[in-house]
Structures are given as C-alpha cells and as structure tokens.
Amino acid sequence: MTDVDSQEWRIIAEQSAPGPQQMALDETAAETVADGGPATVRVYRWEPSTLSLGYRQDPKTVDWEYCDAEGVTVTRRQTGGGGIYHDSFGDISYSIAVPAAAVPGDLLSCYELLCEPLLDFFDQLGLDAGFAEDEQPSIYQPACYLRDIHPAHDILVGGRKISGNAQYRTKDAVVQHGSISVTTTPDRHLAVFHDHNVTPETFSERVTGIMEESALDRATIVSTLEQTLREWVDATPGEWTAAERSRADEIAANKYATESWVRDRESGSPVTR
C-alpha cells in the first residue's frame, strides 16, 4: 500500500465550465486537500473551447483576434509549458489533487505514480500507449503538443502524442492535470497561435486522437476514464461543496479571468514544479 492508497478520495465526474473556472477548481481542490479534506480526481470539459497558456508563456504568441472572433477563451495555467487548445468536444481533461506528503518528492517518480491510471485507461480502450522512449525535438515551441517530446510526462500512441501532463506543487499539495486528445482539429489548434509556420499535415504527424486510433465515441471514452480513475484509488463519487464553489468563483474572477494574469506572463505568485 502506498500513501496515495491510504487517502480519502472522491471522484467528480465530467463537468463543463469555462477555462478560468476549471483552473480555479484545480486550485480549490489543492486547498481542500491541504486543509485535511479529501483528495480529488476529476474529469472536466472546457466550455467554451479554451486556449490555456503555460505559466510563463509570452502572450504575444496568441492570435487574439482569431480567439475573439471564434469565441475561444484564453486563460493561463499554473503549470509551465506551451499553450494547449482545448476543444470543447475534442479534448478531455483530468486533474488529481493529493497531499504533497503522499507522493514522491522526486518529480519523475511522482509523474510515474500519478500517470498510472492514464496508462491503464488507454489499455482499457485497447490502445498501445506509453511514455515516449526518447526525446523528440520541438516543431513549434509556443504550442504544447508541438514542443519537444519528453519521456517523463508525454504519452504517445504509434509515435504520436495523445496526452500531455503537468504538475505544480504548493506547500502541502500536488496538482497534476492533463489533456487527452479525443479527436484533433489541426486548423484550430494552429490558428490560435500568432504567426506560426506549421502546416496541418505537420501537426498530424506529431499529434493523434483516440477517435483517429479507434471507433470509440466520446461518451464511452469519458466513462472509461472516470471508471479507471475511480478504481485506481477506490474513490467515492462526490461533488464540490458550496464553499468550494464559492471559493472557485472568487479565484476565477480575481485571477484566471483577469487581463493581468492572462496577458502578463510574469504575473502571479511563483510556482514550484
């Protein structure tokens, strides 16, 4: 038994919300577990479609006019790396909030532990997925899925990236969240970035989605992910408390939805990774 197994866990089934709210809920889950509340695994959907920027990503890399015209929300994550276009249909995201004392302090070991249910999930879908065996060079640095492939946290199918994962730590909690490609829309993935020189064909050579690799529908994919996360830690189905929802609303309004947080790459408090 690991310390992860000994925690009280809840699972929150897929919920749709705007990008700032989803990032605020991750932060709220970290506060809850740091205060002695349950650890949380959850699945979520970005509604409307959202571009999430890496913690220190230059806002000049964003095509703001395109995002405004297409109704794509832009927010900024607590985690580093490049921007990710989270399509409201083609992306499924998850997060895990756990006490820092319950997981390895070594970053690579922590990734290995918290990615266990993801690899089980892909196995349940019948997909031969695994961590990248070798690093691959960057194609376009501002886009997370086109950055250099890292064996520690990038999951590939048939040599193409299908899931990216990242972590941040507070004094008492660790949050890991990640994006899983259900189906890719290369044109939109690229169009949210300003002055890129990547073709859709090049994007598709690097990135794939579950629907490109199988005949599964989105509902089946989501339910399989929820089941795998629940069984991984024997989690109890749960919901956000009223206090947590109020706290997340406050964080979203004062941080993740603000111009200063989104457009100023140096804003916000330091994050330990």
C-alpha atoms as a PDB file:
ATOM      1  CA  MET A   1       0.000   0.000   0.000  1.00  0.00           C
ATOM      2  CA  THR A   2       1.258   3.481  -0.854  1.00  0.00           C
ATOM      3  CA  ASP A   3       0.384   6.733   0.885  1.00  0.00           C
ATOM      4  CA  VAL A   4      -1.859   7.513  -2.095  1.00  0.00           C
ATOM      5  CA  ASP A   5      -3.877   4.378  -1.348  1.00  0.00           C
ATOM      6  CA  SER A   6      -4.393   5.414   2.269  1.00  0.00           C
ATOM      7  CA  GLN A   7      -6.034   8.752   1.434  1.00  0.00           C
ATOM      8  CA  GLU A   8      -9.731   9.510   1.423  1.00  0.00           C
ATOM      9  CA  TRP A   9     -10.560  10.084  -2.247  1.00  0.00           C
ATOM     10  CA  ARG A  10     -13.534  11.478  -4.107  1.00  0.00           C
ATOM     11  CA  ILE A  11     -14.136  11.468  -7.850  1.00  0.00           C
ATOM     12  CA  ILE A  12     -16.011  14.286  -9.560  1.00  0.00           C
ATOM     13  CA  ALA A  13     -17.467  13.176 -12.876  1.00  0.00           C
ATOM     14  CA  GLU A  14     -17.034  15.251 -16.025  1.00  0.00           C
ATOM     15  CA  GLN A  15     -18.336  18.783 -15.675  1.00  0.00           C
ATOM     16  CA  SER A  16     -18.331  21.576 -18.255  1.00  0.00           C
ATOM     17  CA  ALA A  17     -17.172  25.084 -17.337  1.00  0.00           C
ATOM     18  CA  PRO A  18     -15.181  27.972 -18.832  1.00  0.00           C
ATOM     19  CA  GLY A  19     -11.396  27.820 -18.691  1.00  0.00           C
ATOM     20  CA  PRO A  20     -10.885  30.243 -15.790  1.00  0.00           C
ATOM     21  CA  GLN A  21     -13.366  28.276 -13.685  1.00  0.00           C
ATOM     22  CA  GLN A  22     -11.678  24.956 -14.445  1.00  0.00           C
ATOM     23  CA  MET A  23      -8.273  26.265 -13.393  1.00  0.00           C
ATOM     24  CA  ALA A  24      -9.807  27.785 -10.255  1.00  0.00           C
ATOM     25  CA  LEU A  25     -11.375  24.427  -9.382  1.00  0.00           C
ATOM     26  CA  ASP A  26      -7.961  22.757  -9.613  1.00  0.00           C
ATOM     27  CA  GLU A  27      -6.586  25.338  -7.211  1.00  0.00           C
ATOM     28  CA  THR A  28      -9.573  24.919  -4.890  1.00  0.00           C
ATOM     29  CA  ALA A  29      -9.103  21.135  -4.838  1.00  0.00           C
ATOM     30  CA  ALA A  30      -5.490  21.712  -3.773  1.00  0.00           C
ATOM     31  CA  GLU A  31      -6.625  23.993  -0.947  1.00  0.00           C
ATOM     32  CA  THR A  32      -9.184  21.411   0.191  1.00  0.00           C
ATOM     33  CA  VAL A  33      -6.678  18.584   0.432  1.00  0.00           C
ATOM     34  CA  ALA A  34      -4.088  20.851   2.079  1.00  0.00           C
ATOM     35  CA  ASP A  35      -6.680  21.680   4.762  1.00  0.00           C
ATOM     36  CA  GLY A  36      -7.250  17.998   5.509  1.00  0.00           C
ATOM     37  CA  GLY A  37     -10.181  17.397   3.168  1.00  0.00           C
ATOM     38  CA  PRO A  38     -10.467  14.596   0.624  1.00  0.00           C
ATOM     39  CA  ALA A  39      -8.045  14.134  -2.229  1.00  0.00           C
ATOM     40  CA  THR A  40      -9.738  14.661  -5.580  1.00  0.00           C
ATOM     41  CA  VAL A  41      -9.660  13.041  -9.001  1.00  0.00           C
ATOM     42  CA  ARG A  42     -11.874  14.654 -11.594  1.00  0.00           C
ATOM     43  CA  VAL A  43     -12.661  14.779 -15.306  1.00  0.00           C
ATOM     44  CA  TYR A  44     -13.611  18.031 -16.963  1.00  0.00           C
ATOM     45  CA  ARG A  45     -14.615  19.664 -20.214  1.00  0.00           C
ATOM     46  CA  TRP A  46     -13.678  23.153 -21.393  1.00  0.00           C
ATOM     47  CA  GLU A  47     -16.838  25.015 -22.421  1.00  0.00           C
ATOM     48  CA  PRO A  48     -16.394  27.133 -24.463  1.00  0.00           C
ATOM     49  CA  SER A  49     -13.245  25.938 -26.206  1.00  0.00           C
ATOM     50  CA  THR A  50     -10.206  27.409 -24.474  1.00  0.00           C
ATOM     51  CA  LEU A  51      -6.557  28.154 -25.107  1.00  0.00           C
ATOM     52  CA  SER A  52      -4.667  27.607 -21.855  1.00  0.00           C
ATOM     53  CA  LEU A  53      -1.262  29.258 -21.774  1.00  0.00           C
ATOM     54  CA  GLY A  54       1.749  27.928 -19.916  1.00  0.00           C
ATOM     55  CA  TYR A  55       2.634  29.766 -16.714  1.00  0.00           C
ATOM     56  CA  ARG A  56       5.320  31.976 -18.275  1.00  0.00           C
ATOM     57  CA  GLN A  57       4.197  31.881 -21.903  1.00  0.00           C
ATOM     58  CA  ASP A  58       4.546  35.130 -23.836  1.00  0.00           C
ATOM     59  CA  PRO A  59       1.047  36.462 -24.677  1.00  0.00           C
ATOM     60  CA  LYS A  60       2.427  37.731 -27.973  1.00  0.00           C
ATOM     61  CA  THR A  61       2.306  34.126 -29.199  1.00  0.00           C
ATOM     62  CA  VAL A  62      -1.528  34.255 -29.153  1.00  0.00           C
ATOM     63  CA  ASP A  63      -3.652  35.280 -32.123  1.00  0.00           C
ATOM     64  CA  TRP A  64      -6.037  37.337 -30.009  1.00  0.00           C
ATOM     65  CA  GLU A  65      -8.163  38.425 -32.977  1.00  0.00           C
ATOM     66  CA  TYR A  66      -8.780  34.832 -34.014  1.00  0.00           C
ATOM     67  CA  CYS A  67      -9.647  33.766 -30.476  1.00  0.00           C
ATOM     68  CA  ASP A  68     -12.071  36.695 -30.076  1.00  0.00           C
ATOM     69  CA  ALA A  69     -13.716  36.034 -33.441  1.00  0.00           C
ATOM     70  CA  GLU A  70     -14.075  32.291 -32.800  1.00  0.00           C
ATOM     71  CA  GLY A  71     -15.213  32.576 -29.185  1.00  0.00           C
ATOM     72  CA  VAL A  72     -12.120  30.817 -27.841  1.00  0.00           C
ATOM     73  CA  THR A  73     -11.482  31.746 -24.205  1.00  0.00           C
ATOM     74  CA  VAL A  74      -7.857  32.342 -23.205  1.00  0.00           C
ATOM     75  CA  THR A  75      -6.583  31.691 -19.694  1.00  0.00           C
ATOM     76  CA  ARG A  76      -3.251  30.802 -18.100  1.00  0.00           C
ATOM     77  CA  ARG A  77      -2.361  27.643 -16.206  1.00  0.00           C
ATOM     78  CA  GLN A  78      -0.338  27.308 -13.019  1.00  0.00           C
ATOM     79  CA  THR A  79       1.818  24.756 -14.855  1.00  0.00           C
ATOM     80  CA  GLY A  80       4.564  25.514 -17.327  1.00  0.00           C
ATOM     81  CA  GLY A  81       4.957  24.563 -20.957  1.00  0.00           C
ATOM     82  CA  GLY A  82       3.266  25.796 -24.085  1.00  0.00           C
ATOM     83  CA  GLY A  83      -0.301  26.669 -24.947  1.00  0.00           C
ATOM     84  CA  ILE A  84      -2.935  23.979 -25.395  1.00  0.00           C
ATOM     85  CA  TYR A  85      -6.085  24.410 -27.452  1.00  0.00           C
ATOM     86  CA  HIS A  86      -8.796  22.568 -25.529  1.00  0.00           C
ATOM     87  CA  ASP A  87     -11.601  21.937 -27.972  1.00  0.00           C
ATOM     88  CA  SER A  88     -14.946  21.610 -26.212  1.00  0.00           C
ATOM     89  CA  PHE A  89     -15.562  18.289 -27.982  1.00  0.00           C
ATOM     90  CA  GLY A  90     -12.119  17.048 -28.953  1.00  0.00           C
ATOM     91  CA  ASP A  91     -10.382  17.421 -25.583  1.00  0.00           C
ATOM     92  CA  ILE A  92     -10.912  15.599 -22.287  1.00  0.00           C
ATOM     93  CA  SER A  93      -9.014  16.868 -19.265  1.00  0.00           C
ATOM     94  CA  TYR A  94      -8.462  15.437 -15.808  1.00  0.00           C
ATOM     95  CA  SER A  95      -6.804  16.545 -12.604  1.00  0.00           C
ATOM     96  CA  ILE A  96      -5.528  14.921  -9.438  1.00  0.00           C
ATOM     97  CA  ALA A  97      -5.132  16.874  -6.182  1.00  0.00           C
ATOM     98  CA  VAL A  98      -3.292  14.959  -3.461  1.00  0.00           C
ATOM     99  CA  PRO A  99      -1.346  15.790  -0.282  1.00  0.00           C
ATOM    100  CA  ALA A 100       2.288  16.506  -1.072  1.00  0.00           C
ATOM    101  CA  ALA A 101       3.331  14.113   1.705  1.00  0.00           C
ATOM    102  CA  ALA A 102       1.517  11.234  -0.015  1.00  0.00           C
ATOM    103  CA  VAL A 103       3.537  11.296  -3.251  1.00  0.00           C
ATOM    104  CA  PRO A 104       7.253  11.132  -4.100  1.00  0.00           C
ATOM    105  CA  GLY A 105       9.179  14.362  -3.819  1.00  0.00           C
ATOM    106  CA  ASP A 106      11.137  13.410  -6.930  1.00  0.00           C
ATOM    107  CA  LEU A 107       9.337  14.849  -9.945  1.00  0.00           C
ATOM    108  CA  LEU A 108       9.871  11.926 -12.328  1.00  0.00           C
ATOM    109  CA  SER A 109       8.785   9.376  -9.706  1.00  0.00           C
ATOM    110  CA  CYS A 110       5.700  11.467  -8.982  1.00  0.00           C
ATOM    111  CA  TYR A 111       4.780  11.561 -12.664  1.00  0.00           C
ATOM    112  CA  GLU A 112       5.239   7.812 -12.891  1.00  0.00           C
ATOM    113  CA  LEU A 113       2.855   7.291  -9.975  1.00  0.00           C
ATOM    114  CA  LEU A 114       0.144   9.755 -10.980  1.00  0.00           C
ATOM    115  CA  CYS A 115       0.174   8.687 -14.631  1.00  0.00           C
ATOM    116  CA  GLU A 116      -0.568   5.063 -13.705  1.00  0.00           C
ATOM    117  CA  PRO A 117      -4.330   5.441 -14.189  1.00  0.00           C
ATOM    118  CA  LEU A 118      -3.824   7.143 -17.565  1.00  0.00           C
ATOM    119  CA  LEU A 119      -1.836   4.238 -18.924  1.00  0.00           C
ATOM    120  CA  ASP A 120      -4.469   1.855 -17.532  1.00  0.00           C
ATOM    121  CA  PHE A 121      -7.148   3.979 -19.225  1.00  0.00           C
ATOM    122  CA  PHE A 122      -5.529   3.698 -22.650  1.00  0.00           C
ATOM    123  CA  ASP A 123      -5.082  -0.030 -22.087  1.00  0.00           C
ATOM    124  CA  GLN A 124      -8.801  -0.343 -21.299  1.00  0.00           C
ATOM    125  CA  LEU A 125      -9.526   1.378 -24.631  1.00  0.00           C
ATOM    126  CA  GLY A 126      -7.361  -1.135 -26.449  1.00  0.00           C
ATOM    127  CA  LEU A 127      -4.706   1.422 -27.389  1.00  0.00           C
ATOM    128  CA  ASP A 128      -0.992   0.660 -27.144  1.00  0.00           C
ATOM    129  CA  ALA A 129       0.008   3.864 -25.357  1.00  0.00           C
ATOM    130  CA  GLY A 130       3.096   4.620 -23.354  1.00  0.00           C
ATOM    131  CA  PHE A 131       5.608   7.258 -22.350  1.00  0.00           C
ATOM    132  CA  ALA A 132       7.880   8.449 -25.115  1.00  0.00           C
ATOM    133  CA  GLU A 133      11.001   6.296 -25.242  1.00  0.00           C
ATOM    134  CA  ASP A 134      13.199   9.137 -26.443  1.00  0.00           C
ATOM    135  CA  GLU A 135      13.073  12.901 -26.541  1.00  0.00           C
ATOM    136  CA  GLN A 136      11.931  14.429 -29.829  1.00  0.00           C
ATOM    137  CA  PRO A 137      12.798  17.959 -30.935  1.00  0.00           C
ATOM    138  CA  SER A 138      10.380  20.856 -30.876  1.00  0.00           C
ATOM    139  CA  ILE A 139       8.394  21.713 -34.003  1.00  0.00           C
ATOM    140  CA  TYR A 140       6.817  24.911 -32.681  1.00  0.00           C
ATOM    141  CA  GLN A 141       7.722  25.931 -29.139  1.00  0.00           C
ATOM    142  CA  PRO A 142       4.632  28.016 -28.184  1.00  0.00           C
ATOM    143  CA  ALA A 143       2.284  25.026 -28.711  1.00  0.00           C
ATOM    144  CA  CYS A 144       2.442  22.365 -26.013  1.00  0.00           C
ATOM    145  CA  TYR A 145       1.649  19.467 -28.344  1.00  0.00           C
ATOM    146  CA  LEU A 146       4.365  20.583 -30.769  1.00  0.00           C
ATOM    147  CA  ARG A 147       7.110  21.221 -28.224  1.00  0.00           C
ATOM    148  CA  ASP A 148       9.887  18.708 -27.628  1.00  0.00           C
ATOM    149  CA  ILE A 149       8.514  15.332 -26.563  1.00  0.00           C
ATOM    150  CA  HIS A 150       9.579  14.421 -23.016  1.00  0.00           C
ATOM    151  CA  PRO A 151       9.688  10.779 -21.838  1.00  0.00           C
ATOM    152  CA  ALA A 152       8.652  11.768 -18.302  1.00  0.00           C
ATOM    153  CA  HIS A 153       5.137  13.021 -18.993  1.00  0.00           C
ATOM    154  CA  ASP A 154       4.208  12.806 -22.687  1.00  0.00           C
ATOM    155  CA  ILE A 155       2.096   9.797 -23.674  1.00  0.00           C
ATOM    156  CA  LEU A 156       2.234   8.557 -27.264  1.00  0.00           C
ATOM    157  CA  VAL A 157       0.324   6.126 -29.453  1.00  0.00           C
ATOM    158  CA  GLY A 158       2.098   4.896 -32.556  1.00  0.00           C
ATOM    159  CA  GLY A 159       4.805   7.504 -32.095  1.00  0.00           C
ATOM    160  CA  ARG A 160       2.339  10.426 -31.952  1.00  0.00           C
ATOM    161  CA  LYS A 161       1.415  12.436 -28.872  1.00  0.00           C
ATOM    162  CA  ILE A 162      -2.046  11.787 -27.475  1.00  0.00           C
ATOM    163  CA  SER A 163      -1.756  13.171 -23.936  1.00  0.00           C
ATOM    164  CA  GLY A 164       0.290  15.826 -22.173  1.00  0.00           C
ATOM    165  CA  ASN A 165       0.538  16.077 -18.395  1.00  0.00           C
ATOM    166  CA  ALA A 166       1.934  18.645 -15.976  1.00  0.00           C
ATOM    167  CA  GLN A 167       2.269  19.230 -12.233  1.00  0.00           C
ATOM    168  CA  TYR A 168       2.550  22.050  -9.774  1.00  0.00           C
ATOM    169  CA  ARG A 169       3.145  21.974  -6.056  1.00  0.00           C
ATOM    170  CA  THR A 170       2.094  24.112  -3.156  1.00  0.00           C
ATOM    171  CA  LYS A 171       3.493  23.700   0.352  1.00  0.00           C
ATOM    172  CA  ASP A 172       1.051  20.912   1.215  1.00  0.00           C
ATOM    173  CA  ALA A 173      -0.481  19.701  -2.065  1.00  0.00           C
ATOM    174  CA  VAL A 174       0.383  18.439  -5.533  1.00  0.00           C
ATOM    175  CA  VAL A 175      -1.863  19.006  -8.526  1.00  0.00           C
ATOM    176  CA  GLN A 176      -1.374  17.037 -11.714  1.00  0.00           C
ATOM    177  CA  HIS A 177      -3.580  17.855 -14.649  1.00  0.00           C
ATOM    178  CA  GLY A 178      -3.518  16.781 -18.237  1.00  0.00           C
ATOM    179  CA  SER A 179      -5.121  16.927 -21.640  1.00  0.00           C
ATOM    180  CA  ILE A 180      -6.220  13.879 -23.622  1.00  0.00           C
ATOM    181  CA  SER A 181      -6.909  14.245 -27.347  1.00  0.00           C
ATOM    182  CA  VAL A 182     -10.206  12.658 -28.299  1.00  0.00           C
ATOM    183  CA  THR A 183     -10.037  13.969 -31.844  1.00  0.00           C
ATOM    184  CA  THR A 184      -7.786  16.600 -33.353  1.00  0.00           C
ATOM    185  CA  THR A 185      -8.696  19.697 -35.352  1.00  0.00           C
ATOM    186  CA  PRO A 186      -5.292  20.814 -36.642  1.00  0.00           C
ATOM    187  CA  ASP A 187      -6.549  24.025 -38.256  1.00  0.00           C
ATOM    188  CA  ARG A 188      -7.982  25.325 -34.978  1.00  0.00           C
ATOM    189  CA  HIS A 189      -5.100  24.041 -32.878  1.00  0.00           C
ATOM    190  CA  LEU A 190      -2.746  26.098 -35.012  1.00  0.00           C
ATOM    191  CA  ALA A 191      -4.922  29.143 -35.668  1.00  0.00           C
ATOM    192  CA  VAL A 192      -4.963  30.226 -32.015  1.00  0.00           C
ATOM    193  CA  PHE A 193      -1.244  30.991 -32.304  1.00  0.00           C
ATOM    194  CA  HIS A 194       0.107  34.137 -33.916  1.00  0.00           C
ATOM    195  CA  ASP A 195       2.446  33.870 -36.871  1.00  0.00           C
ATOM    196  CA  HIS A 196       3.030  30.116 -36.718  1.00  0.00           C
ATOM    197  CA  ASN A 197       4.625  28.356 -39.702  1.00  0.00           C
ATOM    198  CA  VAL A 198       3.258  24.850 -39.124  1.00  0.00           C
ATOM    199  CA  THR A 199       1.005  23.053 -41.613  1.00  0.00           C
ATOM    200  CA  PRO A 200      -1.939  20.890 -40.538  1.00  0.00           C
ATOM    201  CA  GLU A 201      -0.130  17.939 -42.106  1.00  0.00           C
ATOM    202  CA  THR A 202       2.906  18.504 -39.881  1.00  0.00           C
ATOM    203  CA  PHE A 203       0.643  18.814 -36.839  1.00  0.00           C
ATOM    204  CA  SER A 204      -0.994  15.467 -37.663  1.00  0.00           C
ATOM    205  CA  GLU A 205       2.391  13.803 -37.996  1.00  0.00           C
ATOM    206  CA  ARG A 206       3.099  14.697 -34.347  1.00  0.00           C
ATOM    207  CA  VAL A 207      -0.371  14.511 -32.725  1.00  0.00           C
ATOM    208  CA  THR A 208      -3.202  11.982 -32.783  1.00  0.00           C
ATOM    209  CA  GLY A 209      -6.538  11.480 -31.018  1.00  0.00           C
ATOM    210  CA  ILE A 210      -8.420   8.492 -29.654  1.00  0.00           C
ATOM    211  CA  MET A 211     -11.022   8.682 -32.418  1.00  0.00           C
ATOM    212  CA  GLU A 212      -8.245   8.613 -35.001  1.00  0.00           C
ATOM    213  CA  GLU A 213      -6.986   5.400 -33.424  1.00  0.00           C
ATOM    214  CA  SER A 214     -10.314   3.667 -32.689  1.00  0.00           C
ATOM    215  CA  ALA A 215     -14.045   3.602 -33.374  1.00  0.00           C
ATOM    216  CA  LEU A 216     -14.941   4.688 -29.826  1.00  0.00           C
ATOM    217  CA  ASP A 217     -17.405   7.510 -29.120  1.00  0.00           C
ATOM    218  CA  ARG A 218     -16.773  10.355 -26.697  1.00  0.00           C
ATOM    219  CA  ALA A 219     -19.240   9.170 -24.051  1.00  0.00           C
ATOM    220  CA  THR A 220     -17.537   5.768 -23.863  1.00  0.00           C
ATOM    221  CA  ILE A 221     -14.114   7.391 -23.622  1.00  0.00           C
ATOM    222  CA  VAL A 222     -15.217   9.664 -20.767  1.00  0.00           C
ATOM    223  CA  SER A 223     -16.912   6.896 -18.804  1.00  0.00           C
ATOM    224  CA  THR A 224     -13.841   4.661 -19.177  1.00  0.00           C
ATOM    225  CA  LEU A 225     -11.564   7.427 -17.882  1.00  0.00           C
ATOM    226  CA  GLU A 226     -13.844   8.084 -14.913  1.00  0.00           C
ATOM    227  CA  GLN A 227     -14.018   4.380 -14.079  1.00  0.00           C
ATOM    228  CA  THR A 228     -10.248   3.972 -14.304  1.00  0.00           C
ATOM    229  CA  LEU A 229      -9.576   6.961 -12.045  1.00  0.00           C
ATOM    230  CA  ARG A 230     -12.195   5.784  -9.548  1.00  0.00           C
ATOM    231  CA  GLU A 231     -10.780   2.268  -9.356  1.00  0.00           C
ATOM    232  CA  TRP A 232      -7.180   3.491  -9.131  1.00  0.00           C
ATOM    233  CA  VAL A 233      -7.737   4.912  -5.630  1.00  0.00           C
ATOM    234  CA  ASP A 234     -11.130   3.403  -4.741  1.00  0.00           C
ATOM    235  CA  ALA A 235     -12.651   6.881  -4.905  1.00  0.00           C
ATOM    236  CA  THR A 236     -16.171   7.701  -3.773  1.00  0.00           C
ATOM    237  CA  PRO A 237     -18.409   9.663  -6.175  1.00  0.00           C
ATOM    238  CA  GLY A 238     -18.582  13.242  -4.923  1.00  0.00           C
ATOM    239  CA  GLU A 239     -19.394  16.854  -5.723  1.00  0.00           C
ATOM    240  CA  TRP A 240     -17.965  20.252  -4.919  1.00  0.00           C
ATOM    241  CA  THR A 241     -19.247  21.717  -1.674  1.00  0.00           C
ATOM    242  CA  ALA A 242     -20.986  25.090  -1.684  1.00  0.00           C
ATOM    243  CA  ALA A 243     -17.923  26.594  -0.017  1.00  0.00           C
ATOM    244  CA  GLU A 244     -15.628  25.171  -2.680  1.00  0.00           C
ATOM    245  CA  ARG A 245     -17.788  26.516  -5.498  1.00  0.00           C
ATOM    246  CA  SER A 246     -17.811  29.937  -3.879  1.00  0.00           C
ATOM    247  CA  ARG A 247     -14.045  29.823  -3.451  1.00  0.00           C
ATOM    248  CA  ALA A 248     -13.522  28.750  -7.079  1.00  0.00           C
ATOM    249  CA  ASP A 249     -15.760  31.599  -8.280  1.00  0.00           C
ATOM    250  CA  GLU A 250     -13.625  34.011  -6.270  1.00  0.00           C
ATOM    251  CA  ILE A 251     -10.342  32.646  -7.628  1.00  0.00           C
ATOM    252  CA  ALA A 252     -11.600  32.625 -11.217  1.00  0.00           C
ATOM    253  CA  ALA A 253     -12.841  36.220 -11.036  1.00  0.00           C
ATOM    254  CA  ASN A 254      -9.765  37.600  -9.293  1.00  0.00           C
ATOM    255  CA  LYS A 255      -7.086  35.579 -11.062  1.00  0.00           C
ATOM    256  CA  TYR A 256      -7.730  33.296 -14.022  1.00  0.00           C
ATOM    257  CA  ALA A 257     -10.170  35.592 -15.834  1.00  0.00           C
ATOM    258  CA  THR A 258      -8.173  38.783 -15.354  1.00  0.00           C
ATOM    259  CA  GLU A 259      -6.170  40.556 -18.027  1.00  0.00           C
ATOM    260  CA  SER A 260      -3.212  40.891 -15.671  1.00  0.00           C
ATOM    261  CA  TRP A 261      -2.974  37.118 -15.155  1.00  0.00           C
ATOM    262  CA  VAL A 262      -3.640  36.092 -18.741  1.00  0.00           C
ATOM    263  CA  ARG A 263      -1.708  38.743 -20.667  1.00  0.00           C
ATOM    264  CA  ASP A 264       1.198  39.306 -18.285  1.00  0.00           C
ATOM    265  CA  ARG A 265       3.472  36.275 -18.284  1.00  0.00           C
ATOM    266  CA  GLU A 266       5.289  37.460 -15.173  1.00  0.00           C
ATOM    267  CA  SER A 267       2.132  37.898 -13.093  1.00  0.00           C
ATOM    268  CA  GLY A 268       1.073  35.715 -10.225  1.00  0.00           C
ATOM    269  CA  SER A 269       2.946  34.069  -7.396  1.00  0.00           C
ATOM    270  CA  PRO A 270       5.908  31.747  -8.038  1.00  0.00           C
ATOM    271  CA  VAL A 271       5.077  28.116  -8.676  1.00  0.00           C
ATOM    272  CA  THR A 272       7.228  25.172  -7.625  1.00  0.00           C
ATOM    273  CA  ARG A 273       7.446  22.467 -10.262  1.00  0.00           C
END
